[in-house]
Amino acid sequence: MKPEHSLDARGLLCPEPVMMLHAAVRKVAPGEVLQMIATDPSTQRDVPKFCQFLGYELVRHAEEKDEFIYWIRKAAS
């Protein structure tokens, strides 16, 4: 899956990754996908809750070595 936007939150700790995600998703058009890469394990809990709360679709979640990768589709207006 090729995202239209990306966010690198590697090396940041809670709550910074989700705060950055909140700011980044504002720049994403409805229906577009944002890929976020993080190293903080708490994002495994926080990102799905963020998506559920705001009505975004967590399209995919993957783990590669010590990185957590999320593909988030912004809800259509």
PDB file of N, CA and C in Angstrom:
ATOM      1  N   MET A   1       0.854  -1.190   0.000  1.00  0.00           N
ATOM      2  CA  MET A   1       0.000   0.000   0.000  1.00  0.00           C
ATOM      3  C   MET A   1       0.886   1.234   0.000  1.00  0.00           C
ATOM      4  N   LYS A   2       0.654   2.101  -0.944  1.00  0.00           N
ATOM      5  CA  LYS A   2       1.435   3.338  -1.043  1.00  0.00           C
ATOM      6  C   LYS A   2       0.624   4.481  -0.448  1.00  0.00           C
ATOM      7  N   PRO A   3       1.090   5.027   0.678  1.00  0.00           N
ATOM      8  CA  PRO A   3       0.372   6.135   1.307  1.00  0.00           C
ATOM      9  C   PRO A   3       0.634   7.458   0.586  1.00  0.00           C
ATOM     10  N   GLU A   4      -0.318   8.371   0.710  1.00  0.00           N
ATOM     11  CA  GLU A   4      -0.136   9.718   0.148  1.00  0.00           C
ATOM     12  C   GLU A   4       0.696  10.606   1.069  1.00  0.00           C
ATOM     13  N   HIS A   5       0.738  10.262   2.363  1.00  0.00           N
ATOM     14  CA  HIS A   5       1.447  11.071   3.359  1.00  0.00           C
ATOM     15  C   HIS A   5       2.207  10.147   4.302  1.00  0.00           C
ATOM     16  N   SER A   6       3.250  10.686   4.948  1.00  0.00           N
ATOM     17  CA  SER A   6       4.000   9.884   5.908  1.00  0.00           C
ATOM     18  C   SER A   6       4.372  10.731   7.114  1.00  0.00           C
ATOM     19  N   LEU A   7       4.535  10.043   8.226  1.00  0.00           N
ATOM     20  CA  LEU A   7       4.910  10.685   9.483  1.00  0.00           C
ATOM     21  C   LEU A   7       5.951   9.813  10.167  1.00  0.00           C
ATOM     22  N   ASP A   8       7.100  10.383  10.455  1.00  0.00           N
ATOM     23  CA  ASP A   8       8.171   9.658  11.139  1.00  0.00           C
ATOM     24  C   ASP A   8       8.180  10.081  12.607  1.00  0.00           C
ATOM     25  N   ALA A   9       7.733   9.176  13.476  1.00  0.00           N
ATOM     26  CA  ALA A   9       7.700   9.455  14.913  1.00  0.00           C
ATOM     27  C   ALA A   9       8.691   8.552  15.654  1.00  0.00           C
ATOM     28  N   ARG A  10       9.686   8.056  14.949  1.00  0.00           N
ATOM     29  CA  ARG A  10      10.693   7.188  15.573  1.00  0.00           C
ATOM     30  C   ARG A  10      11.490   7.968  16.605  1.00  0.00           C
ATOM     31  N   GLY A  11      11.731   7.309  17.738  1.00  0.00           N
ATOM     32  CA  GLY A  11      12.522   7.916  18.802  1.00  0.00           C
ATOM     33  C   GLY A  11      11.725   8.784  19.756  1.00  0.00           C
ATOM     34  N   LEU A  12      10.455   9.009  19.467  1.00  0.00           N
ATOM     35  CA  LEU A  12       9.612   9.837  20.329  1.00  0.00           C
ATOM     36  C   LEU A  12       8.801   8.956  21.277  1.00  0.00           C
ATOM     37  N   LEU A  13       8.549   9.488  22.460  1.00  0.00           N
ATOM     38  CA  LEU A  13       7.792   8.760  23.465  1.00  0.00           C
ATOM     39  C   LEU A  13       6.437   9.398  23.701  1.00  0.00           C
ATOM     40  N   CYS A  14       5.526   8.602  24.223  1.00  0.00           N
ATOM     41  CA  CYS A  14       4.172   9.041  24.548  1.00  0.00           C
ATOM     42  C   CYS A  14       4.230  10.320  25.384  1.00  0.00           C
ATOM     43  N   PRO A  15       3.451  11.320  25.056  1.00  0.00           N
ATOM     44  CA  PRO A  15       2.346  11.374  24.098  1.00  0.00           C
ATOM     45  C   PRO A  15       2.716  11.962  22.739  1.00  0.00           C
ATOM     46  N   GLU A  16       4.008  12.212  22.497  1.00  0.00           N
ATOM     47  CA  GLU A  16       4.419  12.905  21.273  1.00  0.00           C
ATOM     48  C   GLU A  16       3.969  12.243  19.967  1.00  0.00           C
ATOM     49  N   PRO A  17       4.089  10.915  19.796  1.00  0.00           N
ATOM     50  CA  PRO A  17       3.662  10.337  18.513  1.00  0.00           C
ATOM     51  C   PRO A  17       2.201  10.617  18.175  1.00  0.00           C
ATOM     52  N   VAL A  18       1.314  10.495  19.153  1.00  0.00           N
ATOM     53  CA  VAL A  18      -0.107  10.732  18.884  1.00  0.00           C
ATOM     54  C   VAL A  18      -0.385  12.218  18.687  1.00  0.00           C
ATOM     55  N   MET A  19       0.325  13.062  19.386  1.00  0.00           N
ATOM     56  CA  MET A  19       0.161  14.507  19.180  1.00  0.00           C
ATOM     57  C   MET A  19       0.591  14.884  17.757  1.00  0.00           C
ATOM     58  N   MET A  20       1.690  14.308  17.296  1.00  0.00           N
ATOM     59  CA  MET A  20       2.153  14.569  15.925  1.00  0.00           C
ATOM     60  C   MET A  20       1.173  13.990  14.904  1.00  0.00           C
ATOM     61  N   LEU A  21       0.618  12.817  15.203  1.00  0.00           N
ATOM     62  CA  LEU A  21      -0.368  12.209  14.322  1.00  0.00           C
ATOM     63  C   LEU A  21      -1.595  13.101  14.198  1.00  0.00           C
ATOM     64  N   HIS A  22      -2.035  13.640  15.314  1.00  0.00           N
ATOM     65  CA  HIS A  22      -3.203  14.516  15.303  1.00  0.00           C
ATOM     66  C   HIS A  22      -2.959  15.741  14.415  1.00  0.00           C
ATOM     67  N   ALA A  23      -1.764  16.324  14.505  1.00  0.00           N
ATOM     68  CA  ALA A  23      -1.430  17.489  13.679  1.00  0.00           C
ATOM     69  C   ALA A  23      -1.283  17.094  12.209  1.00  0.00           C
ATOM     70  N   ALA A  24      -0.665  15.944  11.944  1.00  0.00           N
ATOM     71  CA  ALA A  24      -0.423  15.519  10.560  1.00  0.00           C
ATOM     72  C   ALA A  24      -1.707  15.160   9.832  1.00  0.00           C
ATOM     73  N   VAL A  25      -2.643  14.541  10.524  1.00  0.00           N
ATOM     74  CA  VAL A  25      -3.870  14.083   9.874  1.00  0.00           C
ATOM     75  C   VAL A  25      -4.739  15.266   9.434  1.00  0.00           C
ATOM     76  N   ARG A  26      -4.529  16.421  10.015  1.00  0.00           N
ATOM     77  CA  ARG A  26      -5.266  17.626   9.599  1.00  0.00           C
ATOM     78  C   ARG A  26      -4.919  18.028   8.168  1.00  0.00           C
ATOM     79  N   LYS A  27      -3.719  17.662   7.722  1.00  0.00           N
ATOM     80  CA  LYS A  27      -3.249  18.032   6.380  1.00  0.00           C
ATOM     81  C   LYS A  27      -3.635  16.992   5.332  1.00  0.00           C
ATOM     82  N   VAL A  28      -4.260  15.898   5.762  1.00  0.00           N
ATOM     83  CA  VAL A  28      -4.627  14.803   4.874  1.00  0.00           C
ATOM     84  C   VAL A  28      -6.051  15.010   4.377  1.00  0.00           C
ATOM     85  N   ALA A  29      -6.254  14.828   3.084  1.00  0.00           N
ATOM     86  CA  ALA A  29      -7.598  14.957   2.508  1.00  0.00           C
ATOM     87  C   ALA A  29      -8.415  13.707   2.838  1.00  0.00           C
ATOM     88  N   PRO A  30      -9.733  13.855   2.947  1.00  0.00           N
ATOM     89  CA  PRO A  30     -10.580  12.690   3.201  1.00  0.00           C
ATOM     90  C   PRO A  30     -10.342  11.589   2.165  1.00  0.00           C
ATOM     91  N   GLY A  31     -10.203  10.360   2.657  1.00  0.00           N
ATOM     92  CA  GLY A  31      -9.966   9.212   1.793  1.00  0.00           C
ATOM     93  C   GLY A  31      -8.499   8.897   1.564  1.00  0.00           C
ATOM     94  N   GLU A  32      -7.603   9.837   1.857  1.00  0.00           N
ATOM     95  CA  GLU A  32      -6.174   9.596   1.683  1.00  0.00           C
ATOM     96  C   GLU A  32      -5.615   8.805   2.863  1.00  0.00           C
ATOM     97  N   VAL A  33      -4.440   8.197   2.629  1.00  0.00           N
ATOM     98  CA  VAL A  33      -3.798   7.366   3.643  1.00  0.00           C
ATOM     99  C   VAL A  33      -2.517   8.025   4.128  1.00  0.00           C
ATOM    100  N   LEU A  34      -2.346   8.001   5.438  1.00  0.00           N
ATOM    101  CA  LEU A  34      -1.140   8.488   6.102  1.00  0.00           C
ATOM    102  C   LEU A  34      -0.429   7.285   6.702  1.00  0.00           C
ATOM    103  N   GLN A  35       0.859   7.159   6.428  1.00  0.00           N
ATOM    104  CA  GLN A  35       1.655   6.101   7.046  1.00  0.00           C
ATOM    105  C   GLN A  35       2.455   6.707   8.184  1.00  0.00           C
ATOM    106  N   MET A  36       2.380   6.090   9.346  1.00  0.00           N
ATOM    107  CA  MET A  36       3.126   6.548  10.512  1.00  0.00           C
ATOM    108  C   MET A  36       4.073   5.445  10.943  1.00  0.00           C
ATOM    109  N   ILE A  37       5.335   5.814  11.201  1.00  0.00           N
ATOM    110  CA  ILE A  37       6.323   4.876  11.715  1.00  0.00           C
ATOM    111  C   ILE A  37       6.740   5.372  13.098  1.00  0.00           C
ATOM    112  N   ALA A  38       6.669   4.479  14.080  1.00  0.00           N
ATOM    113  CA  ALA A  38       6.997   4.843  15.454  1.00  0.00           C
ATOM    114  C   ALA A  38       7.819   3.725  16.102  1.00  0.00           C
ATOM    115  N   THR A  39       8.510   4.068  17.169  1.00  0.00           N
ATOM    116  CA  THR A  39       9.261   3.069  17.928  1.00  0.00           C
ATOM    117  C   THR A  39       8.712   2.901  19.345  1.00  0.00           C
ATOM    118  N   ASP A  40       7.816   3.739  19.756  1.00  0.00           N
ATOM    119  CA  ASP A  40       7.238   3.662  21.099  1.00  0.00           C
ATOM    120  C   ASP A  40       6.157   2.579  21.132  1.00  0.00           C
ATOM    121  N   PRO A  41       6.337   1.531  21.951  1.00  0.00           N
ATOM    122  CA  PRO A  41       5.343   0.459  22.024  1.00  0.00           C
ATOM    123  C   PRO A  41       3.946   0.928  22.436  1.00  0.00           C
ATOM    124  N   SER A  42       3.844   2.042  23.127  1.00  0.00           N
ATOM    125  CA  SER A  42       2.521   2.520  23.554  1.00  0.00           C
ATOM    126  C   SER A  42       1.656   2.933  22.361  1.00  0.00           C
ATOM    127  N   THR A  43       2.268   3.145  21.191  1.00  0.00           N
ATOM    128  CA  THR A  43       1.464   3.482  20.010  1.00  0.00           C
ATOM    129  C   THR A  43       0.562   2.316  19.604  1.00  0.00           C
ATOM    130  N   GLN A  44       0.928   1.099  19.987  1.00  0.00           N
ATOM    131  CA  GLN A  44       0.088  -0.066  19.675  1.00  0.00           C
ATOM    132  C   GLN A  44      -1.281   0.043  20.339  1.00  0.00           C
ATOM    133  N   ARG A  45      -1.323   0.735  21.447  1.00  0.00           N
ATOM    134  CA  ARG A  45      -2.586   0.979  22.145  1.00  0.00           C
ATOM    135  C   ARG A  45      -3.191   2.310  21.706  1.00  0.00           C
ATOM    136  N   ASP A  46      -2.353   3.330  21.609  1.00  0.00           N
ATOM    137  CA  ASP A  46      -2.832   4.694  21.385  1.00  0.00           C
ATOM    138  C   ASP A  46      -3.349   4.957  19.976  1.00  0.00           C
ATOM    139  N   VAL A  47      -2.675   4.447  18.955  1.00  0.00           N
ATOM    140  CA  VAL A  47      -3.082   4.735  17.578  1.00  0.00           C
ATOM    141  C   VAL A  47      -4.445   4.119  17.256  1.00  0.00           C
ATOM    142  N   PRO A  48      -4.695   2.843  17.575  1.00  0.00           N
ATOM    143  CA  PRO A  48      -6.039   2.314  17.311  1.00  0.00           C
ATOM    144  C   PRO A  48      -7.142   3.074  18.054  1.00  0.00           C
ATOM    145  N   LYS A  49      -6.885   3.480  19.284  1.00  0.00           N
ATOM    146  CA  LYS A  49      -7.887   4.257  20.035  1.00  0.00           C
ATOM    147  C   LYS A  49      -8.091   5.631  19.413  1.00  0.00           C
ATOM    148  N   PHE A  50      -7.014   6.252  18.955  1.00  0.00           N
ATOM    149  CA  PHE A  50      -7.094   7.538  18.266  1.00  0.00           C
ATOM    150  C   PHE A  50      -7.991   7.418  17.033  1.00  0.00           C
ATOM    151  N   CYS A  51      -7.752   6.377  16.232  1.00  0.00           N
ATOM    152  CA  CYS A  51      -8.540   6.173  15.017  1.00  0.00           C
ATOM    153  C   CYS A  51     -10.010   5.924  15.344  1.00  0.00           C
ATOM    154  N   GLN A  52     -10.254   5.086  16.322  1.00  0.00           N
ATOM    155  CA  GLN A  52     -11.631   4.772  16.698  1.00  0.00           C
ATOM    156  C   GLN A  52     -12.360   6.019  17.196  1.00  0.00           C
ATOM    157  N   PHE A  53     -11.698   6.800  18.018  1.00  0.00           N
ATOM    158  CA  PHE A  53     -12.309   7.989  18.603  1.00  0.00           C
ATOM    159  C   PHE A  53     -12.650   9.032  17.540  1.00  0.00           C
ATOM    160  N   LEU A  54     -11.766   9.196  16.544  1.00  0.00           N
ATOM    161  CA  LEU A  54     -11.971  10.228  15.534  1.00  0.00           C
ATOM    162  C   LEU A  54     -12.619   9.713  14.252  1.00  0.00           C
ATOM    163  N   GLY A  55     -12.897   8.416  14.184  1.00  0.00           N
ATOM    164  CA  GLY A  55     -13.583   7.865  13.028  1.00  0.00           C
ATOM    165  C   GLY A  55     -12.692   7.621  11.821  1.00  0.00           C
ATOM    166  N   TYR A  56     -11.386   7.449  12.040  1.00  0.00           N
ATOM    167  CA  TYR A  56     -10.468   7.128  10.958  1.00  0.00           C
ATOM    168  C   TYR A  56     -10.324   5.612  10.865  1.00  0.00           C
ATOM    169  N   GLU A  57      -9.941   5.133   9.688  1.00  0.00           N
ATOM    170  CA  GLU A  57      -9.777   3.695   9.494  1.00  0.00           C
ATOM    171  C   GLU A  57      -8.306   3.318   9.653  1.00  0.00           C
ATOM    172  N   LEU A  58      -8.032   2.420  10.579  1.00  0.00           N
ATOM    173  CA  LEU A  58      -6.693   1.851  10.699  1.00  0.00           C
ATOM    174  C   LEU A  58      -6.632   0.719   9.676  1.00  0.00           C
ATOM    175  N   VAL A  59      -6.091   1.030   8.506  1.00  0.00           N
ATOM    176  CA  VAL A  59      -6.107   0.112   7.373  1.00  0.00           C
ATOM    177  C   VAL A  59      -5.201  -1.085   7.636  1.00  0.00           C
ATOM    178  N   ARG A  60      -4.051  -0.812   8.225  1.00  0.00           N
ATOM    179  CA  ARG A  60      -3.071  -1.874   8.449  1.00  0.00           C
ATOM    180  C   ARG A  60      -2.129  -1.474   9.562  1.00  0.00           C
ATOM    181  N   HIS A  61      -1.602  -2.465  10.264  1.00  0.00           N
ATOM    182  CA  HIS A  61      -0.613  -2.259  11.319  1.00  0.00           C
ATOM    183  C   HIS A  61       0.428  -3.357  11.163  1.00  0.00           C
ATOM    184  N   ALA A  62       1.688  -2.991  11.177  1.00  0.00           N
ATOM    185  CA  ALA A  62       2.757  -3.986  11.042  1.00  0.00           C
ATOM    186  C   ALA A  62       3.876  -3.669  12.024  1.00  0.00           C
ATOM    187  N   GLU A  63       4.613  -4.701  12.374  1.00  0.00           N
ATOM    188  CA  GLU A  63       5.804  -4.549  13.205  1.00  0.00           C
ATOM    189  C   GLU A  63       6.991  -5.067  12.416  1.00  0.00           C
ATOM    190  N   GLU A  64       8.021  -4.256  12.349  1.00  0.00           N
ATOM    191  CA  GLU A  64       9.267  -4.656  11.696  1.00  0.00           C
ATOM    192  C   GLU A  64      10.407  -4.301  12.616  1.00  0.00           C
ATOM    193  N   LYS A  65      11.030  -5.334  13.159  1.00  0.00           N
ATOM    194  CA  LYS A  65      12.104  -5.180  14.146  1.00  0.00           C
ATOM    195  C   LYS A  65      11.571  -4.378  15.328  1.00  0.00           C
ATOM    196  N   ASP A  66      12.097  -3.194  15.573  1.00  0.00           N
ATOM    197  CA  ASP A  66      11.638  -2.386  16.718  1.00  0.00           C
ATOM    198  C   ASP A  66      10.755  -1.227  16.276  1.00  0.00           C
ATOM    199  N   GLU A  67      10.164  -1.330  15.082  1.00  0.00           N
ATOM    200  CA  GLU A  67       9.308  -0.254  14.568  1.00  0.00           C
ATOM    201  C   GLU A  67       7.870  -0.734  14.419  1.00  0.00           C
ATOM    202  N   PHE A  68       6.962   0.194  14.667  1.00  0.00           N
ATOM    203  CA  PHE A  68       5.530  -0.050  14.520  1.00  0.00           C
ATOM    204  C   PHE A  68       5.055   0.846  13.379  1.00  0.00           C
ATOM    205  N   ILE A  69       4.414   0.241  12.391  1.00  0.00           N
ATOM    206  CA  ILE A  69       4.007   0.976  11.200  1.00  0.00           C
ATOM    207  C   ILE A  69       2.490   0.911  11.082  1.00  0.00           C
ATOM    208  N   TYR A  70       1.896   2.074  10.848  1.00  0.00           N
ATOM    209  CA  TYR A  70       0.446   2.195  10.765  1.00  0.00           C
ATOM    210  C   TYR A  70       0.069   2.871   9.456  1.00  0.00           C
ATOM    211  N   TRP A  71      -0.993   2.381   8.842  1.00  0.00           N
ATOM    212  CA  TRP A  71      -1.583   3.011   7.670  1.00  0.00           C
ATOM    213  C   TRP A  71      -2.984   3.451   8.077  1.00  0.00           C
ATOM    214  N   ILE A  72      -3.225   4.744   8.032  1.00  0.00           N
ATOM    215  CA  ILE A  72      -4.462   5.333   8.536  1.00  0.00           C
ATOM    216  C   ILE A  72      -5.152   6.082   7.401  1.00  0.00           C
ATOM    217  N   ARG A  73      -6.408   5.717   7.150  1.00  0.00           N
ATOM    218  CA  ARG A  73      -7.190   6.408   6.119  1.00  0.00           C
ATOM    219  C   ARG A  73      -8.097   7.421   6.810  1.00  0.00           C
ATOM    220  N   LYS A  74      -7.995   8.661   6.348  1.00  0.00           N
ATOM    221  CA  LYS A  74      -8.845   9.710   6.904  1.00  0.00           C
ATOM    222  C   LYS A  74     -10.273   9.506   6.420  1.00  0.00           C
ATOM    223  N   ALA A  75     -11.202   9.628   7.316  1.00  0.00           N
ATOM    224  CA  ALA A  75     -12.614   9.426   6.989  1.00  0.00           C
ATOM    225  C   ALA A  75     -13.083  10.448   5.964  1.00  0.00           C
ATOM    226  N   ALA A  76     -13.928   9.985   5.080  1.00  0.00           N
ATOM    227  CA  ALA A  76     -14.535  10.903   4.107  1.00  0.00           C
ATOM    228  C   ALA A  76     -15.514  11.800   4.824  1.00  0.00           C
ATOM    229  N   SER A  77     -15.538  13.036   4.449  1.00  0.00           N
ATOM    230  CA  SER A  77     -16.415  14.011   5.104  1.00  0.00           C
ATOM    231  C   SER A  77     -17.864  13.819   4.719  1.00  0.00           C
TER     232      SER A  77
END
